[in-house]
Amino acid sequence: MAVDALDTRILRLLIEQPRTSVREYARILGIARGTLQARLDRLEREGVITGTGPFLSPAALGHPVLAFVHIEVTQGHLDEVGDALAEVPEIVEAFSITGAGDLLTRVVARDNGHLEDVVQRLIQLPGVVRTRTEMALRERVPHRLLPLVESVGRAVGERR
């Protein structure tokens, strides 16, 4: 699905101010409430907005490839590499980790060639020693928090 400039403004606003009313969003954006509602309905129908968080689908935004890239960093350069990773739009998450490697990133791409381009960009960052990429084949458990919330609630109830 193609996302235009107005869609991008809408999505940014939803992320930055998720608890604002549709009327207020329309006022901030300077568009009619009906226009905004039609855009929101289309984004939901097309799978771009997948929840009220809002949760956005990289695949629906044209980036269906998901990979986890482990990055080994030269000692003392973790912060600089982390800052540089924030400039790569295809990196949707990055964590410093223990074990083999220093950083774990979640990377989305349009296709395998695009993924290779992103990895090559990462390899060229000052302070990056090497990378290791693992491709995700299929999501088995989508991001969720409700089961955790219910579990914590049950545990609190049992302690009383």
C-alpha atoms as a PDB file:
ATOM      1  CA  MET A   1       0.000   0.000   0.000  1.00  0.00           C
ATOM      2  CA  ALA A   2       1.237   3.481  -0.832  1.00  0.00           C
ATOM      3  CA  VAL A   3       1.398   5.878   2.091  1.00  0.00           C
ATOM      4  CA  ASP A   4       1.412   9.549   1.148  1.00  0.00           C
ATOM      5  CA  ALA A   5       2.571  12.617   3.073  1.00  0.00           C
ATOM      6  CA  LEU A   6      -0.785  13.109   4.807  1.00  0.00           C
ATOM      7  CA  ASP A   7      -0.882   9.441   5.840  1.00  0.00           C
ATOM      8  CA  THR A   8       2.626   9.877   7.240  1.00  0.00           C
ATOM      9  CA  ARG A   9       1.561  12.960   9.219  1.00  0.00           C
ATOM     10  CA  ILE A  10      -1.469  11.089  10.549  1.00  0.00           C
ATOM     11  CA  LEU A  11       0.596   8.066  11.599  1.00  0.00           C
ATOM     12  CA  ARG A  12       3.219  10.240  13.286  1.00  0.00           C
ATOM     13  CA  LEU A  13       0.523  12.076  15.220  1.00  0.00           C
ATOM     14  CA  LEU A  14      -1.109   8.796  16.284  1.00  0.00           C
ATOM     15  CA  ILE A  15       2.230   7.545  17.591  1.00  0.00           C
ATOM     16  CA  GLU A  16       3.183  10.779  19.326  1.00  0.00           C
ATOM     17  CA  GLN A  17      -0.261  11.530  20.793  1.00  0.00           C
ATOM     18  CA  PRO A  18      -2.112   8.193  20.927  1.00  0.00           C
ATOM     19  CA  ARG A  19      -4.847   9.304  23.337  1.00  0.00           C
ATOM     20  CA  THR A  20      -6.055  12.360  21.420  1.00  0.00           C
ATOM     21  CA  SER A  21      -9.546  12.519  19.904  1.00  0.00           C
ATOM     22  CA  VAL A  22     -10.195  12.313  16.161  1.00  0.00           C
ATOM     23  CA  ARG A  23     -11.575  15.869  16.288  1.00  0.00           C
ATOM     24  CA  GLU A  24      -8.356  17.134  17.891  1.00  0.00           C
ATOM     25  CA  TYR A  25      -6.199  15.206  15.398  1.00  0.00           C
ATOM     26  CA  ALA A  26      -8.119  16.862  12.535  1.00  0.00           C
ATOM     27  CA  ARG A  27      -7.633  20.303  14.103  1.00  0.00           C
ATOM     28  CA  ILE A  28      -3.883  19.736  14.565  1.00  0.00           C
ATOM     29  CA  LEU A  29      -3.527  18.457  10.999  1.00  0.00           C
ATOM     30  CA  GLY A  30      -5.676  21.224   9.552  1.00  0.00           C
ATOM     31  CA  ILE A  31      -8.014  18.827   7.731  1.00  0.00           C
ATOM     32  CA  ALA A  32     -11.715  17.988   7.917  1.00  0.00           C
ATOM     33  CA  ARG A  33     -12.737  15.397  10.495  1.00  0.00           C
ATOM     34  CA  GLY A  34     -14.401  13.330   7.733  1.00  0.00           C
ATOM     35  CA  THR A  35     -11.174  13.312   5.706  1.00  0.00           C
ATOM     36  CA  LEU A  36      -9.206  12.151   8.721  1.00  0.00           C
ATOM     37  CA  GLN A  37     -11.748   9.442   9.562  1.00  0.00           C
ATOM     38  CA  ALA A  38     -11.717   8.165   5.970  1.00  0.00           C
ATOM     39  CA  ARG A  39      -7.915   8.009   6.045  1.00  0.00           C
ATOM     40  CA  LEU A  40      -7.921   6.172   9.390  1.00  0.00           C
ATOM     41  CA  ASP A  41     -10.517   3.684   8.108  1.00  0.00           C
ATOM     42  CA  ARG A  42      -8.439   3.007   4.972  1.00  0.00           C
ATOM     43  CA  LEU A  43      -5.213   2.582   6.958  1.00  0.00           C
ATOM     44  CA  GLU A  44      -6.960   0.060   9.216  1.00  0.00           C
ATOM     45  CA  ARG A  45      -8.582  -1.751   6.291  1.00  0.00           C
ATOM     46  CA  GLU A  46      -5.215  -2.012   4.486  1.00  0.00           C
ATOM     47  CA  GLY A  47      -3.507  -3.393   7.598  1.00  0.00           C
ATOM     48  CA  VAL A  48      -1.164  -0.464   8.165  1.00  0.00           C
ATOM     49  CA  ILE A  49      -2.761   0.348  11.523  1.00  0.00           C
ATOM     50  CA  THR A  50      -3.140  -2.989  13.254  1.00  0.00           C
ATOM     51  CA  GLY A  51      -4.361  -1.779  16.635  1.00  0.00           C
ATOM     52  CA  THR A  52      -5.122   1.271  18.696  1.00  0.00           C
ATOM     53  CA  GLY A  53      -1.555   1.656  19.982  1.00  0.00           C
ATOM     54  CA  PRO A  54      -1.222   2.314  17.067  1.00  0.00           C
ATOM     55  CA  PHE A  55       0.681  -0.756  15.935  1.00  0.00           C
ATOM     56  CA  LEU A  56       2.010  -0.360  12.392  1.00  0.00           C
ATOM     57  CA  SER A  57       2.785  -3.244  10.052  1.00  0.00           C
ATOM     58  CA  PRO A  58       6.160  -2.923   8.300  1.00  0.00           C
ATOM     59  CA  ALA A  59       4.928  -5.460   5.711  1.00  0.00           C
ATOM     60  CA  ALA A  60       1.909  -3.298   4.856  1.00  0.00           C
ATOM     61  CA  LEU A  61       4.284  -0.346   4.512  1.00  0.00           C
ATOM     62  CA  GLY A  62       6.212  -2.293   1.864  1.00  0.00           C
ATOM     63  CA  HIS A  63       8.840  -3.950   4.094  1.00  0.00           C
ATOM     64  CA  PRO A  64       7.795  -7.632   4.458  1.00  0.00           C
ATOM     65  CA  VAL A  65      11.302  -9.033   5.092  1.00  0.00           C
ATOM     66  CA  LEU A  66      12.259  -9.333   8.770  1.00  0.00           C
ATOM     67  CA  ALA A  67      15.740 -10.163   9.988  1.00  0.00           C
ATOM     68  CA  PHE A  68      17.655 -10.055  13.231  1.00  0.00           C
ATOM     69  CA  VAL A  69      21.129  -8.648  12.809  1.00  0.00           C
ATOM     70  CA  HIS A  70      23.699  -9.264  15.537  1.00  0.00           C
ATOM     71  CA  ILE A  71      26.418  -6.619  15.580  1.00  0.00           C
ATOM     72  CA  GLU A  72      29.846  -6.946  17.153  1.00  0.00           C
ATOM     73  CA  VAL A  73      31.267  -3.570  18.160  1.00  0.00           C
ATOM     74  CA  THR A  74      34.809  -2.400  18.902  1.00  0.00           C
ATOM     75  CA  GLN A  75      35.182  -1.955  22.655  1.00  0.00           C
ATOM     76  CA  GLY A  76      34.307   1.528  23.805  1.00  0.00           C
ATOM     77  CA  HIS A  77      32.180   2.358  20.743  1.00  0.00           C
ATOM     78  CA  LEU A  78      28.809   0.959  21.760  1.00  0.00           C
ATOM     79  CA  ASP A  79      27.160   4.353  22.269  1.00  0.00           C
ATOM     80  CA  GLU A  80      28.403   5.755  18.954  1.00  0.00           C
ATOM     81  CA  VAL A  81      27.252   2.684  17.050  1.00  0.00           C
ATOM     82  CA  GLY A  82      23.899   2.800  18.852  1.00  0.00           C
ATOM     83  CA  ASP A  83      23.476   6.446  17.857  1.00  0.00           C
ATOM     84  CA  ALA A  84      24.362   5.593  14.243  1.00  0.00           C
ATOM     85  CA  LEU A  85      21.801   2.756  14.220  1.00  0.00           C
ATOM     86  CA  ALA A  86      19.093   5.254  15.136  1.00  0.00           C
ATOM     87  CA  GLU A  87      19.764   6.945  11.776  1.00  0.00           C
ATOM     88  CA  VAL A  88      18.925   3.767   9.805  1.00  0.00           C
ATOM     89  CA  PRO A  89      15.146   3.795   9.183  1.00  0.00           C
ATOM     90  CA  GLU A  90      14.967   0.043   8.492  1.00  0.00           C
ATOM     91  CA  ILE A  91      16.126  -0.707  12.054  1.00  0.00           C
ATOM     92  CA  VAL A  92      12.912  -0.879  14.044  1.00  0.00           C
ATOM     93  CA  GLU A  93      14.529  -1.984  17.309  1.00  0.00           C
ATOM     94  CA  ALA A  94      18.046  -2.303  18.700  1.00  0.00           C
ATOM     95  CA  PHE A  95      19.207  -3.747  21.991  1.00  0.00           C
ATOM     96  CA  SER A  96      22.578  -4.088  23.654  1.00  0.00           C
ATOM     97  CA  ILE A  97      22.914  -7.741  24.610  1.00  0.00           C
ATOM     98  CA  THR A  98      25.098 -10.276  26.376  1.00  0.00           C
ATOM     99  CA  GLY A  99      26.539 -13.312  24.629  1.00  0.00           C
ATOM    100  CA  ALA A 100      27.971 -13.500  21.131  1.00  0.00           C
ATOM    101  CA  GLY A 101      27.755  -9.932  19.929  1.00  0.00           C
ATOM    102  CA  ASP A 102      27.088  -6.564  21.441  1.00  0.00           C
ATOM    103  CA  LEU A 103      23.881  -5.408  19.741  1.00  0.00           C
ATOM    104  CA  LEU A 104      20.812  -7.161  18.408  1.00  0.00           C
ATOM    105  CA  THR A 105      18.738  -5.282  15.859  1.00  0.00           C
ATOM    106  CA  ARG A 106      15.392  -6.039  14.300  1.00  0.00           C
ATOM    107  CA  VAL A 107      15.576  -4.972  10.669  1.00  0.00           C
ATOM    108  CA  VAL A 108      12.830  -4.745   8.055  1.00  0.00           C
ATOM    109  CA  ALA A 109      13.388  -4.574   4.314  1.00  0.00           C
ATOM    110  CA  ARG A 110      11.504  -4.497   1.024  1.00  0.00           C
ATOM    111  CA  ASP A 111      13.216  -7.676  -0.224  1.00  0.00           C
ATOM    112  CA  ASN A 112      16.415  -9.696   0.262  1.00  0.00           C
ATOM    113  CA  GLY A 113      18.459  -7.327  -1.887  1.00  0.00           C
ATOM    114  CA  HIS A 114      17.334  -4.363   0.187  1.00  0.00           C
ATOM    115  CA  LEU A 115      18.225  -6.305   3.345  1.00  0.00           C
ATOM    116  CA  GLU A 116      21.712  -6.891   1.961  1.00  0.00           C
ATOM    117  CA  ASP A 117      22.026  -3.141   1.300  1.00  0.00           C
ATOM    118  CA  VAL A 118      21.028  -2.380   4.897  1.00  0.00           C
ATOM    119  CA  VAL A 119      23.511  -4.930   6.283  1.00  0.00           C
ATOM    120  CA  GLN A 120      26.269  -3.475   4.066  1.00  0.00           C
ATOM    121  CA  ARG A 121      25.449  -0.036   5.469  1.00  0.00           C
ATOM    122  CA  LEU A 122      25.737  -1.423   9.007  1.00  0.00           C
ATOM    123  CA  ILE A 123      29.092  -3.060   8.276  1.00  0.00           C
ATOM    124  CA  GLN A 124      30.472   0.305   7.139  1.00  0.00           C
ATOM    125  CA  LEU A 125      29.569   2.110  10.373  1.00  0.00           C
ATOM    126  CA  PRO A 126      32.652   3.183  12.374  1.00  0.00           C
ATOM    127  CA  GLY A 127      33.059   0.814  15.315  1.00  0.00           C
ATOM    128  CA  VAL A 128      31.271  -2.169  13.738  1.00  0.00           C
ATOM    129  CA  VAL A 129      33.545  -5.222  13.606  1.00  0.00           C
ATOM    130  CA  ARG A 130      31.156  -7.751  12.049  1.00  0.00           C
ATOM    131  CA  THR A 131      27.515  -8.678  11.694  1.00  0.00           C
ATOM    132  CA  ARG A 132      25.537 -11.911  11.642  1.00  0.00           C
ATOM    133  CA  THR A 133      22.070 -11.955  10.094  1.00  0.00           C
ATOM    134  CA  GLU A 134      19.222 -14.355  10.829  1.00  0.00           C
ATOM    135  CA  MET A 135      16.105 -14.233   8.668  1.00  0.00           C
ATOM    136  CA  ALA A 136      12.689 -14.589  10.262  1.00  0.00           C
ATOM    137  CA  LEU A 137      10.539 -17.089   8.377  1.00  0.00           C
ATOM    138  CA  ARG A 138       7.163 -16.732  10.068  1.00  0.00           C
ATOM    139  CA  GLU A 139       5.854 -14.947  13.118  1.00  0.00           C
ATOM    140  CA  ARG A 140       4.744 -17.575  15.623  1.00  0.00           C
ATOM    141  CA  VAL A 141       3.689 -15.328  18.513  1.00  0.00           C
ATOM    142  CA  PRO A 142       2.859 -11.726  17.636  1.00  0.00           C
ATOM    143  CA  HIS A 143       3.833  -8.939  19.996  1.00  0.00           C
ATOM    144  CA  ARG A 144       1.353  -9.013  22.841  1.00  0.00           C
ATOM    145  CA  LEU A 145       1.069  -7.894  26.420  1.00  0.00           C
ATOM    146  CA  LEU A 146      -2.426  -8.934  27.484  1.00  0.00           C
ATOM    147  CA  PRO A 147      -1.390 -12.488  28.548  1.00  0.00           C
ATOM    148  CA  LEU A 148       1.373 -10.980  30.673  1.00  0.00           C
ATOM    149  CA  VAL A 149      -1.022  -8.467  32.224  1.00  0.00           C
ATOM    150  CA  GLU A 150      -3.505 -11.267  32.983  1.00  0.00           C
ATOM    151  CA  SER A 151      -0.732 -13.418  34.468  1.00  0.00           C
ATOM    152  CA  VAL A 152       0.493 -10.608  36.697  1.00  0.00           C
ATOM    153  CA  GLY A 153      -3.096  -9.900  37.760  1.00  0.00           C
ATOM    154  CA  ARG A 154      -3.633 -13.556  38.677  1.00  0.00           C
ATOM    155  CA  ALA A 155      -0.364 -13.646  40.627  1.00  0.00           C
ATOM    156  CA  VAL A 156      -1.323 -10.543  42.611  1.00  0.00           C
ATOM    157  CA  GLY A 157      -4.746 -12.081  43.349  1.00  0.00           C
ATOM    158  CA  GLU A 158      -3.162 -15.317  44.556  1.00  0.00           C
ATOM    159  CA  ARG A 159      -0.853 -13.474  46.976  1.00  0.00           C
ATOM    160  CA  ARG A 160      -3.751 -11.745  48.715  1.00  0.00           C
END
